[in-house]
Amino acid sequence: MIVPTHLQYTRDHYWIRQEGNEAVIGLTEIGLLAWGMVLFIELPERGAVLGQGYFAGSVETADSEHDLLAPLSGEVIAVNMLLERATMMLIESPYDKAWLFRMACSELSELEQLLDAQTYEANYSLE
């Protein structure tokens, strides 16, 4: 499994790519493999203002449904609508084409709570 070193991570299996005061957010390969095959994904609306830990959408897999919780606080400024029609992209390209949404961060200090790749992989690997 790949855990790119240029990204940051959460304990809930999100990856975050910081770009100034914005963040691109996706799901890690480790998290996706643990959940199983994704059948449906619901993403937040563009313009939604979310607090860290707020409901942002959901992922339905063959076995269960998982809530997507915002890993950071801010406004959703872009949503990857392609995922709603092509959920296989999540497994095929989790760190590239399958980003979930982009946020304008309102609490930059939350970025300091994120994990680096080495810590994430050591603590949350499926091995």
Protein backbone atom coordinates (compact mmCIF):
# COMPACT_ATOMS: atom_id res chain seq x y z
CA MET A 1 0.00 0.00 0.00
CA ILE A 2 1.12 3.49 -0.80
CA VAL A 3 1.30 6.25 1.82
CA PRO A 4 2.65 9.32 -0.03
CA THR A 5 5.10 11.29 2.09
CA HIS A 6 4.07 14.72 0.74
CA LEU A 7 0.59 14.44 2.30
CA GLN A 8 -0.71 14.68 5.85
CA TYR A 9 -3.18 12.25 7.41
CA THR A 10 -5.87 11.81 10.04
CA ARG A 11 -6.65 8.85 12.27
CA ASP A 12 -9.92 8.50 10.31
CA HIS A 13 -8.08 7.66 7.07
CA TYR A 14 -8.22 11.01 5.32
CA TRP A 15 -5.29 12.46 3.43
CA ILE A 16 -4.82 16.22 3.23
CA ARG A 17 -2.73 18.19 0.76
CA GLN A 18 -2.25 21.73 2.03
CA GLU A 19 -2.07 24.47 -0.59
CA GLY A 20 -1.69 27.77 1.26
CA ASN A 21 -4.86 28.31 3.29
CA GLU A 22 -6.69 25.66 1.27
CA ALA A 23 -6.72 21.89 1.67
CA VAL A 24 -7.51 19.11 -0.77
CA ILE A 25 -9.04 16.14 1.06
CA GLY A 26 -9.33 12.48 0.10
CA LEU A 27 -9.54 8.99 1.54
CA THR A 28 -6.43 6.85 2.04
CA GLU A 29 -5.84 3.54 0.37
CA ILE A 30 -5.59 1.91 3.81
CA GLY A 31 -9.00 3.26 4.82
CA LEU A 32 -10.63 2.30 1.54
CA LEU A 33 -9.31 -1.27 1.72
CA ALA A 34 -10.58 -1.59 5.29
CA TRP A 35 -14.08 -0.41 4.26
CA GLY A 36 -14.38 -2.58 1.16
CA MET A 37 -15.92 -1.89 -2.23
CA VAL A 38 -17.55 1.54 -2.45
CA LEU A 39 -20.98 1.44 -4.06
CA PHE A 40 -22.09 5.05 -3.53
CA ILE A 41 -20.60 8.28 -2.23
CA GLU A 42 -22.37 11.45 -1.06
CA LEU A 43 -20.17 14.54 -0.90
CA PRO A 44 -20.76 17.94 0.72
CA GLU A 45 -22.27 20.82 -1.24
CA ARG A 46 -19.98 23.49 -2.62
CA GLY A 47 -20.28 26.49 -0.30
CA ALA A 48 -21.03 24.40 2.80
CA VAL A 49 -19.31 25.68 5.93
CA LEU A 50 -18.12 22.79 8.09
CA GLY A 51 -16.47 22.54 11.46
CA GLN A 52 -13.85 19.92 12.17
CA GLY A 53 -15.69 16.64 12.83
CA TYR A 54 -18.98 17.83 11.25
CA PHE A 55 -20.91 15.54 8.92
CA ALA A 56 -19.71 16.10 5.34
CA GLY A 57 -21.25 13.15 3.51
CA SER A 58 -21.28 9.39 3.46
CA VAL A 59 -19.81 6.34 1.78
CA GLU A 60 -21.89 3.25 1.21
CA THR A 61 -19.95 0.01 0.85
CA ALA A 62 -21.08 -3.57 0.26
CA ASP A 63 -21.11 -4.16 4.04
CA SER A 64 -22.08 -0.87 5.67
CA GLU A 65 -22.37 2.90 5.50
CA HIS A 66 -19.67 5.25 6.78
CA ASP A 67 -20.06 8.92 7.65
CA LEU A 68 -17.56 11.32 6.14
CA LEU A 69 -16.58 13.83 8.81
CA ALA A 70 -14.76 17.03 7.94
CA PRO A 71 -11.11 16.66 8.97
CA LEU A 72 -10.72 20.46 9.08
CA SER A 73 -12.92 23.53 9.57
CA GLY A 74 -13.74 25.75 6.65
CA GLU A 75 -15.80 26.32 3.53
CA VAL A 76 -16.10 23.69 0.81
CA ILE A 77 -14.92 25.44 -2.36
CA ALA A 78 -14.83 22.48 -4.78
CA VAL A 79 -16.29 18.98 -4.92
CA ASN A 80 -15.14 16.08 -7.08
CA MET A 81 -18.50 15.26 -8.69
CA LEU A 82 -16.90 12.57 -10.88
CA LEU A 83 -16.81 10.25 -7.86
CA GLU A 84 -20.60 10.07 -7.71
CA ARG A 85 -20.57 8.35 -11.13
CA ALA A 86 -17.22 6.55 -10.95
CA THR A 87 -16.56 5.29 -7.43
CA MET A 88 -13.90 2.88 -8.75
CA MET A 89 -11.59 5.91 -9.03
CA LEU A 90 -11.30 5.78 -5.24
CA ILE A 91 -9.37 2.49 -5.44
CA GLU A 92 -7.68 3.14 -8.79
CA SER A 93 -6.33 6.60 -7.95
CA PRO A 94 -6.92 7.46 -4.26
CA TYR A 95 -4.22 10.14 -4.07
CA ASP A 96 -4.71 11.79 -7.43
CA LYS A 97 -7.99 11.77 -9.36
CA ALA A 98 -10.15 10.60 -6.45
CA TRP A 99 -9.89 13.62 -4.14
CA LEU A 100 -13.19 14.27 -2.36
CA PHE A 101 -13.37 18.02 -1.83
CA ARG A 102 -11.31 21.17 -1.40
CA MET A 103 -11.73 23.51 1.56
CA ALA A 104 -10.73 27.05 2.37
CA CYS A 105 -9.44 26.44 5.91
CA SER A 106 -10.72 28.72 8.63
CA GLU A 107 -8.59 27.24 11.44
CA LEU A 108 -5.04 26.78 10.17
CA SER A 109 -3.97 25.56 13.62
CA GLU A 110 -5.93 22.34 12.92
CA LEU A 111 -3.30 21.44 10.33
CA GLU A 112 -0.80 21.02 13.18
CA GLN A 113 -2.87 18.08 14.52
CA LEU A 114 -2.43 16.05 11.33
CA LEU A 115 -0.12 13.05 11.09
CA ASP A 116 2.87 12.70 8.80
CA ALA A 117 3.08 9.69 6.47
CA GLN A 118 5.45 7.72 8.69
CA THR A 119 3.26 8.08 11.79
CA TYR A 120 0.07 7.27 9.87
CA GLU A 121 1.55 4.17 8.26
CA ALA A 122 3.08 2.91 11.50
CA ASN A 123 -0.15 3.25 13.47
CA TYR A 124 -2.89 2.54 10.93
CA SER A 125 -1.51 0.03 8.46
CA LEU A 126 -3.65 -3.06 7.76
CA GLU A 127 -0.71 -5.42 8.25
